[in-house]
Structure formats: structure tokens, C-alpha cells
Protein backbone atom coordinates (compact mmCIF):
# COMPACT_ATOMS: atom_id res chain seq x y z
CA MET A 1 246.80 55.59 103.26
CA ILE A 2 244.02 54.81 100.77
CA ALA A 3 243.51 51.38 102.34
CA LEU A 4 243.12 53.00 105.77
CA GLN A 5 240.81 55.68 104.39
CA SER A 6 238.65 53.07 102.67
CA ARG A 7 238.32 51.13 105.92
CA ALA A 8 237.33 54.27 107.87
CA ASN A 9 234.87 55.54 105.26
CA GLY A 10 233.43 52.06 104.70
CA GLU A 11 232.75 51.57 108.40
CA LEU A 12 231.17 55.04 108.70
CA SER A 13 228.96 54.29 105.68
CA HIS A 14 227.92 50.98 107.28
CA ILE A 15 227.01 52.66 110.58
CA LEU A 16 225.07 55.50 108.92
CA GLY A 17 223.43 53.35 106.25
CA ASN A 18 223.87 56.30 103.88
CA SER A 19 227.02 56.20 101.74
CA THR A 20 226.57 59.71 100.33
CA GLU A 21 226.28 61.23 103.79
CA ALA A 22 229.35 59.25 104.88
CA ALA A 23 231.30 60.63 101.90
CA LEU A 24 230.21 64.18 102.78
CA VAL A 25 231.24 63.69 106.41
CA SER A 26 234.65 62.48 105.23
CA PHE A 27 235.16 65.39 102.82
CA GLY A 28 233.68 67.88 105.28
CA SER A 29 235.91 66.78 108.15
CA GLY A 30 238.95 67.07 105.88
CA LEU A 31 237.86 70.58 104.90
CA ILE A 32 237.46 71.55 108.56
CA VAL A 33 240.95 70.25 109.39
CA ILE A 34 242.69 72.08 106.55
CA ALA A 35 240.59 75.24 107.11
CA LEU A 36 241.61 75.38 110.79
CA ILE A 37 245.28 75.05 109.85
CA THR A 38 245.23 77.63 107.05
CA PRO A 39 245.13 80.88 109.13
CA PHE A 40 248.25 79.78 111.03
CA ASN A 41 250.21 78.40 108.08
CA SER A 42 252.06 80.96 105.98
CA ALA A 43 252.88 78.41 103.24
CA ILE A 44 249.18 77.71 102.58
CA LYS A 45 248.34 81.43 102.54
CA ASN A 46 251.25 82.13 100.18
CA GLY A 47 250.01 79.28 98.00
CA ILE A 48 246.58 80.91 97.76
CA ARG A 49 248.18 84.20 96.72
CA ASN A 50 250.37 82.38 94.17
CA LEU A 51 247.28 80.79 92.62
CA GLN A 52 245.46 84.12 92.50
CA SER A 53 248.43 85.69 90.73
CA ALA A 54 248.70 82.76 88.30
CA VAL A 55 245.00 83.01 87.38
CA LYS A 56 245.24 86.79 87.00
CA ALA A 57 248.29 86.44 84.74
CA LYS A 58 246.45 83.70 82.79
CA GLU A 59 249.23 81.21 83.55
CA ILE A 60 246.60 78.64 84.53
CA PRO A 61 242.98 78.59 83.29
CA MET A 62 240.36 79.09 86.00
CA TRP A 63 238.58 75.81 85.15
CA ARG A 64 241.59 73.76 86.17
CA LEU A 65 241.13 74.93 89.75
CA PHE A 66 237.94 72.84 89.90
CA ALA A 67 239.87 69.55 90.14
CA GLY A 68 238.17 68.87 93.48
CA VAL A 69 234.81 68.60 91.71
CA LEU A 70 236.18 65.50 89.99
CA GLY A 71 237.07 64.07 93.39
CA GLY A 72 233.57 64.72 94.69
CA SER A 73 232.10 63.23 91.52
CA PHE A 74 234.29 60.15 91.93
CA VAL A 75 232.94 59.58 95.43
CA ALA A 76 229.39 60.19 94.20
CA LEU A 77 229.77 57.57 91.47
CA GLN A 78 231.48 55.20 93.87
CA THR A 79 228.63 55.34 96.39
CA GLN A 80 226.08 54.57 93.67
CA VAL A 81 228.01 51.88 91.76
CA VAL A 82 229.55 49.77 94.55
CA PRO A 83 226.14 48.55 95.81
CA LEU A 84 225.36 47.40 92.26
CA ILE A 85 228.49 45.41 91.38
CA GLY A 86 230.40 45.05 94.64
CA VAL A 87 233.72 46.46 95.84
CA ALA A 88 235.89 43.88 94.04
CA LEU A 89 234.57 44.40 90.52
CA TYR A 90 234.38 48.15 91.11
CA SER A 91 238.09 48.17 92.09
CA VAL A 92 239.14 46.44 88.86
CA ALA A 93 237.00 48.68 86.63
CA SER A 94 238.03 51.93 88.34
CA ILE A 95 241.74 51.01 88.22
CA ALA A 96 241.32 50.27 84.50
CA GLY A 97 239.84 53.75 84.07
CA GLN A 98 242.67 55.32 86.07
CA THR A 99 245.49 53.64 84.17
CA ALA A 100 243.99 54.31 80.73
CA THR A 101 243.41 57.98 81.57
CA SER A 102 246.87 58.24 83.13
CA LEU A 103 248.44 57.28 79.81
CA VAL A 104 246.47 60.01 78.04
CA VAL A 105 247.05 62.84 80.54
CA ASP A 106 250.77 62.01 80.67
CA ARG A 107 250.88 62.10 76.86
CA ILE A 108 249.35 65.58 76.64
CA GLY A 109 251.39 66.85 79.61
CA LEU A 110 248.40 67.82 81.74
CA THR A 111 250.38 67.40 84.97
CA GLY A 112 252.68 70.26 84.09
CA GLY A 113 255.72 67.96 84.37
CA GLY A 114 256.23 67.50 80.64
CA LYS A 115 254.81 65.08 78.05
CA LYS A 116 255.43 61.34 78.23
CA LEU A 117 255.05 59.05 75.23
CA ILE A 118 252.52 56.20 75.17
CA SER A 119 255.13 53.49 74.67
CA LYS A 120 254.57 49.74 74.46
CA ARG A 121 256.33 49.38 77.80
CA ARG A 122 254.01 51.82 79.55
CA VAL A 123 250.90 50.22 78.02
CA THR A 124 252.13 46.77 79.06
CA ALA A 125 252.75 48.00 82.60
CA ALA A 126 249.24 49.45 82.76
CA LEU A 127 247.66 46.21 81.50
CA ILE A 128 249.64 44.10 83.98
CA THR A 129 248.53 46.36 86.84
CA VAL A 130 244.85 46.07 85.91
CA PHE A 131 245.24 42.28 85.60
CA ALA A 132 247.01 42.22 88.99
CA VAL A 133 244.07 44.00 90.62
CA LEU A 134 241.71 41.51 88.96
CA ILE A 135 243.72 38.60 90.40
CA SER A 136 243.85 40.20 93.86
CA VAL A 137 240.04 40.37 94.12
CA LEU A 138 239.19 37.28 92.05
CA ASP A 139 237.84 35.40 95.04
CA ARG A 140 235.46 38.27 95.90
CA ILE A 141 233.90 38.93 92.48
CA SER A 142 230.28 37.90 92.03
CA ILE A 143 229.30 37.29 88.41
CA ALA A 144 225.64 37.46 89.41
CA SER A 145 226.01 41.17 90.17
CA PHE A 146 227.69 41.98 86.84
CA SER A 147 226.21 44.98 85.01
CA VAL A 148 227.80 46.46 81.89
CA PHE A 149 226.41 49.93 82.61
CA ALA A 150 227.59 49.88 86.24
CA VAL A 151 231.05 48.68 85.17
CA LEU A 152 231.28 51.52 82.63
CA LEU A 153 230.36 53.99 85.39
CA ALA A 154 233.15 52.52 87.52
CA VAL A 155 235.59 53.00 84.63
CA LEU A 156 234.39 56.60 84.33
CA ALA A 157 234.94 57.12 88.07
CA GLY A 158 238.52 55.90 87.71
CA ALA A 159 239.05 58.17 84.70
CA LEU A 160 237.93 61.16 86.78
CA VAL A 161 240.59 60.35 89.37
CA GLY A 162 243.26 60.19 86.67
CA VAL A 163 242.35 63.65 85.38
CA GLN A 164 242.06 65.03 88.93
CA ARG A 165 245.60 63.92 89.76
CA ALA A 166 246.94 65.57 86.62
CA LEU A 167 245.13 68.84 87.34
CA ASN A 168 246.34 68.78 90.94
CA GLY A 169 249.88 68.49 89.65
CA GLN A 170 249.35 71.64 87.63
CA ILE A 171 247.69 73.48 90.51
CA ASN A 172 250.60 72.51 92.74
CA GLU A 173 253.08 73.78 90.18
CA HIS A 174 251.58 77.26 90.47
CA SER A 175 250.64 77.28 94.17
CA LYS A 176 254.03 75.88 95.24
CA ALA A 177 252.26 74.63 98.38
CA SER A 178 250.78 71.14 98.39
CA PHE A 179 248.39 71.80 101.26
CA THR A 180 246.96 74.76 99.34
CA THR A 181 246.10 72.23 96.64
CA SER A 182 244.44 70.06 99.31
CA LEU A 183 242.43 73.02 100.60
CA LEU A 184 241.16 73.86 97.12
CA ASN A 185 240.26 70.22 96.45
CA PHE A 186 238.30 69.85 99.66
CA VAL A 187 236.37 73.08 99.11
CA MET A 188 235.33 71.91 95.64
CA GLY A 189 234.71 68.28 96.59
CA THR A 190 232.66 69.10 99.69
CA SER A 191 230.54 71.57 97.71
CA THR A 192 229.85 68.89 95.08
CA LEU A 193 228.76 66.36 97.71
CA VAL A 194 226.54 68.90 99.51
CA ILE A 195 224.69 69.50 96.24
CA LEU A 196 224.38 65.75 95.63
CA LEU A 197 223.12 65.01 99.15
CA PHE A 198 220.43 67.68 98.94
CA ALA A 199 219.41 66.40 95.50
CA LEU A 200 218.97 62.91 96.97
CA LEU A 201 216.99 64.36 99.88
CA ILE A 202 214.63 66.14 97.49
CA PHE A 203 214.23 63.61 94.70
CA LYS A 204 214.72 60.26 96.47
CA GLY A 205 213.45 61.12 99.92
CA ASP A 206 216.70 60.09 101.65
CA ALA A 207 217.09 61.19 105.26
CA ILE A 208 220.11 62.65 107.06
CA VAL A 209 221.18 60.25 109.80
CA PRO A 210 222.58 61.49 113.16
CA LEU A 211 226.32 60.96 113.38
CA PRO A 212 227.52 58.16 115.68
CA SER A 213 229.64 58.90 118.75
CA GLY A 214 232.26 56.38 117.71
CA PRO A 215 234.47 54.59 117.16
CA TRP A 216 236.71 57.64 116.74
CA TRP A 217 238.70 56.26 113.82
CA VAL A 218 235.69 56.30 111.45
CA TYR A 219 236.19 60.08 111.30
CA THR A 220 239.82 59.92 110.16
CA GLY A 221 239.04 59.54 106.43
CA GLY A 222 239.02 63.29 105.79
CA THR A 223 242.35 63.94 107.51
CA ILE A 224 243.95 61.08 105.59
CA GLY A 225 242.54 62.59 102.39
CA VAL A 226 244.10 66.00 103.13
CA ILE A 227 247.56 64.44 103.50
CA TYR A 228 247.05 62.11 100.53
CA ILE A 229 246.08 64.87 98.09
CA ALA A 230 248.99 67.04 99.27
CA PHE A 231 251.43 64.19 98.62
CA THR A 232 249.81 63.23 95.32
CA SER A 233 249.87 66.73 93.86
CA THR A 234 253.63 66.91 94.46
CA ILE A 235 254.51 63.37 93.34
CA VAL A 236 252.68 63.41 89.99
CA GLN A 237 254.68 66.46 88.88
CA HIS A 238 257.84 64.35 89.01
CA LEU A 239 256.68 60.82 88.20
CA GLY A 240 253.67 61.43 85.97
CA VAL A 241 250.18 60.10 86.63
CA LEU A 242 250.71 56.57 85.27
CA THR A 243 253.83 55.84 87.31
CA PHE A 244 252.18 57.25 90.40
CA THR A 245 249.10 55.12 89.77
CA LEU A 246 251.18 51.94 89.43
CA PHE A 247 252.99 52.56 92.71
CA SER A 248 249.77 53.69 94.39
CA VAL A 249 247.88 50.54 93.43
CA GLY A 250 250.70 48.44 94.87
CA GLY A 251 250.66 50.45 98.09
CA THR A 252 246.89 50.14 98.39
CA LEU A 253 247.06 46.35 97.95
CA ILE A 254 249.82 46.09 100.57
CA GLY A 255 247.72 48.22 102.93
CA SER A 256 244.76 45.94 102.31
CA LEU A 257 246.92 42.90 103.05
CA LEU A 258 248.12 44.38 106.35
CA LEU A 259 244.56 45.20 107.36
CA ASP A 260 243.47 41.66 106.50
CA ILE A 261 246.28 40.34 108.71
CA PHE A 262 245.98 42.64 111.73
CA SER A 263 242.39 43.90 111.57
CA PRO A 264 240.19 41.65 109.39
CA THR A 265 236.50 42.46 108.93
CA ASN A 266 233.48 40.29 108.13
CA GLY A 267 235.54 37.14 108.54
CA ASN A 268 238.00 38.18 105.79
CA THR A 269 241.31 36.34 105.96
CA VAL A 270 244.59 36.73 104.10
CA SER A 271 243.99 35.71 100.50
CA TRP A 272 246.68 34.28 98.24
CA TYR A 273 244.88 36.04 95.41
CA LEU A 274 245.72 39.36 97.10
CA VAL A 275 249.34 38.35 97.67
CA SER A 276 249.65 37.29 94.01
CA GLY A 277 248.11 40.59 92.92
CA ILE A 278 250.71 42.55 94.91
CA VAL A 279 253.59 40.65 93.30
CA MET A 280 252.10 41.19 89.82
CA THR A 281 251.53 44.90 90.49
CA TYR A 282 255.20 45.50 91.22
CA LEU A 283 256.10 43.44 88.17
CA GLY A 284 254.09 46.04 86.25
CA VAL A 285 256.06 48.81 87.98
CA ILE A 286 259.36 47.23 86.92
CA ILE A 287 258.18 46.74 83.33
CA GLY A 288 257.04 50.36 83.34
CA GLY A 289 260.70 51.35 83.23
CA GLN A 290 261.24 52.57 86.76
CA SER A 291 265.00 52.42 86.35
CA ARG A 292 264.85 56.05 85.25
CA ILE A 293 263.54 56.99 88.71
CA PHE A 294 266.41 55.35 90.52
CA LYS A 295 268.91 56.99 88.15
CA ARG A 296 267.70 60.32 89.50
């Protein structure tokens, strides 16, 4: 799903020539979709009431409901950093940030699913996954565009995603409705991007570009995001953030491979680097001790 969303959002950004506006359109469309569903979905409305009761009873601190701000901030950093260092290097750095943060949030039990030790096996799995992503994009990395500061920002962006996933797990634990968690995330994320876009309009003189009439699929990023966040908030409660991240990276690489096979862009063809990265990613999953999942 992330591979498909990246393709849709990337194409929209290319057409508009304004990555921040494209991100806002993606978040905003997702918010519209989930907002239209909410009045007719009793589970989402019950989830909102459950969250209100949890906050009132001080079962969950109010600040944890702002997980969506981290998602909006991630997109904001992404749109600024990718042009500086390229998608390939950004992917490696952000995955490094995600896996490192995942170890920490699992250790302190931020997901609400219990604490998980930072064992040698889990650290090894995380390192293998980051190395796998590096291998998968090795043929697309440009050393000439390397910037230490930009790479650190990419790591920070990945770290934000790791914390967001953990907080969403906790929100979902109290809402008991994954699409309520999606709704809250899109409200917060869209608000963050609106503020950023207006700041860029005022201080950088950027202009809002009229939206294109098509192709239709460039507007699917928001809907994919709604479903993705709903799934994620449920899964991390059971698997933890690190395990989810390992599987998610593998899924994203497989999605990228399928897109390169059936719908390549800019002359991209199937890369053996990408295939090798996929194999290494799932090696990391196995080393991460996934036997406990299958025992369940």
C-alpha cells in the first residue's frame, strides 16, 4: 500500500510542481473520505466516545492524541529533504530512523502492547533491514547529492514515524476502532500541513497551483493512507513497532518491485539490487525471531 501511495503522491507532486501542496491534497482527500464515512459508521462514532471517556478518566494523556501531527511533520520533512539528497538515500536514512526508534518505543512499551527487550537478535534484525534497504537502492544513490544535515533530517523523519505508530497503537487500544484512529490522524496531519503551506506562501512566496483533472489515480493517496493507518494502529498493538516495521519494509520493497515490473516510470527497470534487498529484508524478519508470531 505504501508503494502505491508513494507512486500516486509522487506523480501528483510532479504534476503540481509543489510537493507540500501535493502532500496537503493527499492528507486532505483522506480526511474528506473518512469524514464522509463517520456519520454513517457507528464503530467510528463509538470510538470517538471511547477516546473522550479515556481522556476524561485520564487513562490516556491528551498529548498522545496528537500522533497525526508527527505524520504531517514527516511529510513536511520528506518534501524538503528528498529534493536535496534524492529518494534512494532518503529511504535508507528514514528507515534507519524508523528501526532505531522502533527498538526504543517497544522497550518503553509506548504501543500499549507491553514492553519488549532490546535484544541482540532484535538489533541484528534492525541492522540487516537497514542494510537491505541500502542494497535495494544502491544503484540509485548519488554521492554528489550527499549532505550530512539532510541525511540527519531524513533520520529524524523516520524517527517521527516510529513514534507515531506507537502512539497510534495506544490510541487504538482506547478507541477500540481503528478508523477512529485514522480520523484523528488525518485531522491532525492535515492541520499541520495547512499551517506549513501557508507559512511557505507567506515567507517563501510559493503559489497554490490549480489541481489537475487527472489521471484519477493521483488522488488515491489519501484513501490508501486512511486504510493504512487503520491497519497499522491495530497491528502494532500485537507485533510491536519494530516487527511491524520489518514486515512493512519488506512489503514496500515488494510493492516497488511489482510497480517496476508492471508500471515502470522514467525508464526504471527491474533491478537486481531491489530483488537482493527484498531477500535480505526477510532474512532480517527471520532473525528478528518471528517464530513467536507463528506459535500464536
